Amino acid sequence: MCGGKATNAILPLDMDVSAYLDRIDYRGPLNPDLATLTALHVAHLRSVPFENLSIHAGEPIVLNDEALFDKIVRRRRGGFCYELNGLFSALLRSLGFKVGMLSAQVAKNDGGFSADFDHMALVVNLEQEWLADVGFGDSFIEPLPIDTNQSQIQAKRTFRIDRDGDYLVMLRTEPGSDVWEPQYRFTRRTYQYADYDDQCRYHQTSPESHFTQNRICSMVTERGRISVSDTRFIVSEEGLRRERAVTGQQDYQQLLREHFGIVM
């Protein structure tokens, strides 16, 4: 394991940053500052879906920059947290950001938290530390300040980060509610891909992992979110939700192509 703060590690020489920026349809400034980080974060969420299709297609998930670049950029696929945040961290480093991979424990319905390395999030060091995460499904859209305990309203939900002993806890509340629900917790210690291997393997193979139980593909849009599962196609826009049944494998494949640009 690798402890310490976010670093500016050297990228593989064959990282094609222009191709990555084209993949997320980003044409803005590239200065390593909060404005660029926020714009890249939003662009990534609106272009690269959260999906677990490789698990159900029998495609092994390999955690290194080269394999993830081939999948997400060249083959225009999505992925789950280790893939999306792993490659996003590589992009940020290539642009001069100081970024580290965090081990997050996801909140359970019974009030506890999952194992270490169950989720990968990112810390980005600017004038202060920011939590970035393009791989947690339906969550915050813009990076969150880590140390201010400041609430941020994003797409009608409100998010904040609280300290709880040795942990920092990311919480959210829904419109009209005063109940803050924990999403995951983490410490500032940073890690490398290899530290996530066991949990990544678990989520690909265990029948107890929710990733092996159902297929999901979901992505942020300018007005909300679109999602397709094995049985439902859901469009959420400005608080309104429309859904319909997926009528079969042909319909499912067409939805993937039309709305996510994915051909399996």
Protein backbone atom coordinates (compact mmCIF):
# COMPACT_ATOMS: atom_id res chain seq x y z
CA MET A 1 0.00 0.00 0.00
CA CYS A 2 1.07 3.55 -0.59
CA GLY A 3 0.33 6.12 2.10
CA GLY A 4 0.51 9.89 1.87
CA LYS A 5 -1.02 12.84 0.07
CA ALA A 6 -1.98 13.17 -3.54
CA THR A 7 1.00 13.16 -5.88
CA ASN A 8 1.77 14.19 -9.43
CA ALA A 9 2.92 10.79 -10.71
CA ILE A 10 4.38 10.27 -14.19
CA LEU A 11 1.99 8.89 -16.80
CA PRO A 12 2.80 6.22 -19.37
CA LEU A 13 4.27 7.91 -22.42
CA ASP A 14 1.56 6.58 -24.75
CA MET A 15 -1.32 8.36 -23.00
CA ASP A 16 -3.12 10.28 -25.76
CA VAL A 17 -4.60 13.21 -23.84
CA SER A 18 -6.20 14.74 -26.94
CA ALA A 19 -8.07 11.51 -27.62
CA TYR A 20 -9.26 11.39 -24.01
CA LEU A 21 -10.50 14.99 -24.15
CA ASP A 22 -12.27 14.20 -27.40
CA ARG A 23 -13.89 11.17 -25.75
CA ILE A 24 -15.46 13.41 -23.08
CA ASP A 25 -16.20 16.17 -25.61
CA TYR A 26 -14.11 18.70 -23.71
CA ARG A 27 -12.81 21.81 -25.49
CA GLY A 28 -12.23 24.13 -22.51
CA PRO A 29 -9.18 25.49 -20.65
CA LEU A 30 -6.58 23.04 -19.31
CA ASN A 31 -5.11 25.02 -16.42
CA PRO A 32 -4.75 22.86 -13.29
CA ASP A 33 -7.28 24.84 -11.26
CA LEU A 34 -10.75 24.38 -9.78
CA ALA A 35 -12.59 25.71 -12.83
CA THR A 36 -10.90 23.16 -15.11
CA LEU A 37 -11.34 20.33 -12.59
CA THR A 38 -15.06 21.09 -12.32
CA ALA A 39 -15.54 21.33 -16.08
CA LEU A 40 -13.67 18.07 -16.71
CA HIS A 41 -15.63 16.32 -13.94
CA VAL A 42 -18.98 17.35 -15.44
CA ALA A 43 -17.86 16.52 -19.00
CA HIS A 44 -16.74 13.05 -17.91
CA LEU A 45 -20.02 12.27 -16.17
CA ARG A 46 -21.99 13.39 -19.24
CA SER A 47 -19.92 11.36 -21.69
CA VAL A 48 -18.72 8.15 -20.01
CA PRO A 49 -21.40 5.90 -18.50
CA PHE A 50 -21.27 4.05 -15.24
CA GLU A 51 -21.71 0.43 -16.35
CA ASN A 52 -20.88 -3.15 -15.39
CA LEU A 53 -21.39 -4.79 -18.78
CA SER A 54 -17.91 -6.32 -18.89
CA ILE A 55 -18.71 -8.42 -15.83
CA HIS A 56 -21.74 -9.95 -17.54
CA ALA A 57 -19.92 -10.36 -20.85
CA GLY A 58 -17.06 -12.29 -19.26
CA GLU A 59 -14.52 -9.54 -20.03
CA PRO A 60 -11.85 -9.36 -17.27
CA ILE A 61 -11.39 -5.88 -15.81
CA VAL A 62 -7.69 -4.97 -15.72
CA LEU A 63 -6.64 -2.07 -13.51
CA ASN A 64 -3.91 -0.20 -15.30
CA ASP A 65 -3.93 2.98 -17.36
CA GLU A 66 -3.21 1.28 -20.68
CA ALA A 67 -6.04 -1.26 -20.43
CA LEU A 68 -8.52 1.32 -19.14
CA PHE A 69 -7.58 3.83 -21.84
CA ASP A 70 -8.18 1.19 -24.50
CA LYS A 71 -11.59 0.33 -23.06
CA ILE A 72 -12.93 3.78 -22.18
CA VAL A 73 -11.32 6.00 -24.82
CA ARG A 74 -10.57 3.79 -27.83
CA ARG A 75 -13.57 1.45 -27.52
CA ARG A 76 -15.82 4.19 -26.08
CA ARG A 77 -17.07 2.10 -23.19
CA GLY A 78 -17.78 3.03 -19.58
CA GLY A 79 -16.98 1.16 -16.41
CA PHE A 80 -17.41 1.10 -12.66
CA CYS A 81 -15.57 3.04 -9.97
CA TYR A 82 -12.07 1.53 -10.21
CA GLU A 83 -12.04 2.01 -13.97
CA LEU A 84 -13.65 5.44 -14.25
CA ASN A 85 -11.86 7.12 -11.36
CA GLY A 86 -8.61 5.30 -12.08
CA LEU A 87 -8.36 6.61 -15.62
CA PHE A 88 -9.74 10.04 -14.70
CA SER A 89 -6.92 10.37 -12.16
CA ALA A 90 -4.43 9.63 -14.94
CA LEU A 91 -5.94 12.36 -17.09
CA LEU A 92 -5.79 14.87 -14.23
CA ARG A 93 -2.14 14.06 -13.51
CA SER A 94 -1.27 14.52 -17.17
CA LEU A 95 -2.71 18.04 -16.97
CA GLY A 96 -0.65 18.97 -13.92
CA PHE A 97 -3.12 18.22 -11.11
CA LYS A 98 -1.96 16.60 -7.88
CA VAL A 99 -4.36 13.71 -7.39
CA GLY A 100 -4.54 10.54 -5.30
CA MET A 101 -6.73 7.44 -5.20
CA LEU A 102 -8.78 6.99 -2.02
CA SER A 103 -10.19 3.84 -0.44
CA ALA A 104 -13.87 4.36 0.36
CA GLN A 105 -16.27 2.20 2.38
CA VAL A 106 -19.84 2.38 1.05
CA ALA A 107 -22.74 2.95 3.47
CA LYS A 108 -25.01 -0.06 4.04
CA ASN A 109 -28.75 -0.04 4.59
CA ASP A 110 -28.23 -1.37 8.13
CA GLY A 111 -26.18 1.65 9.11
CA GLY A 112 -22.71 0.13 8.75
CA PHE A 113 -20.12 0.44 6.02
CA SER A 114 -18.62 -2.00 3.54
CA ALA A 115 -15.00 -3.17 3.38
CA ASP A 116 -11.95 -1.08 2.59
CA PHE A 117 -11.35 -0.58 -1.15
CA ASP A 118 -15.03 -1.27 -1.91
CA HIS A 119 -15.06 2.03 -3.80
CA MET A 120 -12.40 4.25 -5.34
CA ALA A 121 -12.75 8.02 -5.07
CA LEU A 122 -10.17 10.75 -5.71
CA VAL A 123 -8.60 13.60 -3.77
CA VAL A 124 -7.31 16.57 -5.76
CA ASN A 125 -4.97 19.08 -4.08
CA LEU A 126 -5.44 22.66 -5.20
CA GLU A 127 -5.37 25.52 -2.69
CA GLN A 128 -7.48 23.12 -0.64
CA GLU A 129 -8.42 19.46 -1.05
CA TRP A 130 -11.38 18.46 -3.22
CA LEU A 131 -13.23 15.16 -3.49
CA ALA A 132 -13.69 14.06 -7.11
CA ASP A 133 -15.70 11.01 -8.14
CA VAL A 134 -16.88 10.10 -11.65
CA GLY A 135 -17.66 6.50 -10.67
CA PHE A 136 -20.36 6.42 -7.98
CA GLY A 137 -23.46 6.36 -10.13
CA ASP A 138 -26.18 8.85 -9.18
CA SER A 139 -24.18 11.19 -6.96
CA PHE A 140 -22.59 14.65 -6.91
CA ILE A 141 -21.78 16.20 -10.27
CA GLU A 142 -19.15 18.77 -9.28
CA PRO A 143 -16.20 18.16 -6.93
CA LEU A 144 -16.83 18.73 -3.21
CA PRO A 145 -14.55 20.65 -0.81
CA ILE A 146 -13.21 18.23 1.79
CA ASP A 147 -12.33 20.43 4.76
CA THR A 148 -15.01 23.13 4.91
CA ASN A 149 -18.09 21.14 6.03
CA GLN A 150 -19.81 23.34 3.44
CA SER A 151 -23.10 22.14 1.94
CA GLN A 152 -23.44 22.21 -1.84
CA ILE A 153 -26.71 22.02 -3.74
CA GLN A 154 -26.27 20.08 -6.98
CA ALA A 155 -29.20 19.05 -9.20
CA LYS A 156 -31.56 19.76 -6.25
CA ARG A 157 -29.77 17.38 -3.89
CA THR A 158 -27.44 18.74 -1.21
CA PHE A 159 -24.05 17.23 -0.36
CA ARG A 160 -21.43 17.79 2.32
CA ILE A 161 -18.44 16.06 3.92
CA ASP A 162 -18.31 15.61 7.72
CA ARG A 163 -15.52 14.35 9.94
CA ASP A 164 -16.28 11.23 12.01
CA GLY A 165 -13.25 10.19 14.06
CA ASP A 166 -10.52 9.07 11.66
CA TYR A 167 -12.93 9.16 8.72
CA LEU A 168 -14.43 11.74 6.41
CA VAL A 169 -18.02 10.92 5.44
CA MET A 170 -19.72 12.09 2.24
CA LEU A 171 -23.43 12.67 2.90
CA ARG A 172 -26.42 13.81 0.89
CA THR A 173 -29.97 14.93 1.55
CA GLU A 174 -32.94 14.93 -0.81
CA PRO A 175 -35.08 17.99 -1.60
CA GLY A 176 -37.49 18.77 1.23
CA SER A 177 -35.72 16.44 3.68
CA ASP A 178 -33.60 17.31 6.71
CA VAL A 179 -32.16 13.80 6.95
CA TRP A 180 -28.51 13.47 5.93
CA GLU A 181 -27.75 10.02 4.55
CA PRO A 182 -24.11 8.79 4.48
CA GLN A 183 -22.94 7.61 1.05
CA TYR A 184 -19.41 6.50 1.84
CA ARG A 185 -16.49 7.26 4.15
CA PHE A 186 -12.75 7.52 3.55
CA THR A 187 -9.46 8.70 5.00
CA ARG A 188 -6.84 10.86 3.32
CA ARG A 189 -4.46 7.95 2.76
CA THR A 190 -3.83 7.37 -0.95
CA TYR A 191 -3.24 4.11 -2.82
CA GLN A 192 -2.29 2.48 -6.13
CA TYR A 193 -4.26 0.23 -8.50
CA ALA A 194 -2.88 -2.96 -6.95
CA ASP A 195 -4.48 -2.15 -3.61
CA TYR A 196 -7.94 -2.46 -5.16
CA ASP A 197 -7.32 -5.80 -6.90
CA ASP A 198 -9.01 -8.04 -4.32
CA GLN A 199 -12.21 -6.01 -4.11
CA CYS A 200 -12.29 -5.51 -7.87
CA ARG A 201 -12.03 -9.29 -8.30
CA TYR A 202 -14.77 -9.81 -5.71
CA HIS A 203 -17.16 -7.51 -7.55
CA GLN A 204 -16.47 -9.31 -10.83
CA THR A 205 -16.95 -12.83 -9.50
CA SER A 206 -18.91 -13.07 -6.24
CA PRO A 207 -22.64 -13.90 -6.45
CA GLU A 208 -23.04 -11.63 -3.41
CA SER A 209 -21.79 -8.58 -5.29
CA HIS A 210 -24.59 -6.42 -6.65
CA PHE A 211 -22.52 -5.96 -9.81
CA THR A 212 -22.83 -9.65 -10.71
CA GLN A 213 -26.58 -9.77 -10.08
CA ASN A 214 -27.84 -7.25 -12.65
CA ARG A 215 -26.58 -5.29 -15.64
CA ILE A 216 -26.68 -1.51 -15.39
CA CYS A 217 -25.67 1.35 -17.67
CA SER A 218 -26.32 4.91 -16.48
CA MET A 219 -25.11 8.39 -17.40
CA VAL A 220 -25.68 12.02 -16.44
CA THR A 221 -27.36 14.25 -19.05
CA GLU A 222 -27.72 18.02 -19.23
CA ARG A 223 -31.24 17.74 -17.78
CA GLY A 224 -30.94 14.67 -15.54
CA ARG A 225 -29.94 11.04 -16.06
CA ILE A 226 -30.62 8.08 -18.35
CA SER A 227 -30.34 4.45 -17.24
CA VAL A 228 -30.97 1.02 -18.70
CA SER A 229 -31.08 -2.27 -16.79
CA ASP A 230 -32.02 -5.76 -17.90
CA THR A 231 -35.71 -4.88 -17.56
CA ARG A 232 -36.22 -1.08 -17.51
CA PHE A 233 -35.20 2.02 -19.48
CA ILE A 234 -35.44 5.13 -17.29
CA VAL A 235 -35.17 8.81 -18.22
CA SER A 236 -35.10 11.37 -15.38
CA GLU A 237 -35.30 15.03 -16.41
CA GLU A 238 -35.76 18.03 -14.11
CA GLY A 239 -37.44 15.97 -11.42
CA LEU A 240 -39.72 14.04 -13.79
CA ARG A 241 -39.23 10.33 -14.36
CA ARG A 242 -40.28 8.30 -17.40
CA GLU A 243 -39.66 4.60 -17.78
CA ARG A 244 -40.63 1.68 -19.92
CA ALA A 245 -39.96 -2.03 -20.06
CA VAL A 246 -37.03 -3.42 -22.05
CA THR A 247 -38.73 -5.82 -24.42
CA GLY A 248 -35.82 -8.14 -25.16
CA GLN A 249 -32.15 -8.43 -26.05
CA GLN A 250 -32.51 -6.61 -29.37
CA ASP A 251 -34.26 -3.69 -27.66
CA TYR A 252 -31.59 -3.68 -24.95
CA GLN A 253 -28.73 -3.56 -27.47
CA GLN A 254 -30.45 -0.76 -29.39
CA LEU A 255 -30.82 1.32 -26.23
CA LEU A 256 -27.12 0.88 -25.49
CA ARG A 257 -26.17 2.01 -29.00
CA GLU A 258 -28.62 4.91 -29.23
CA HIS A 259 -28.20 6.47 -25.78
CA PHE A 260 -24.71 5.43 -24.66
CA GLY A 261 -22.82 4.73 -27.88
CA ILE A 262 -22.01 1.20 -26.71
CA VAL A 263 -21.90 -1.80 -29.02
CA MET A 264 -21.32 -5.09 -27.19
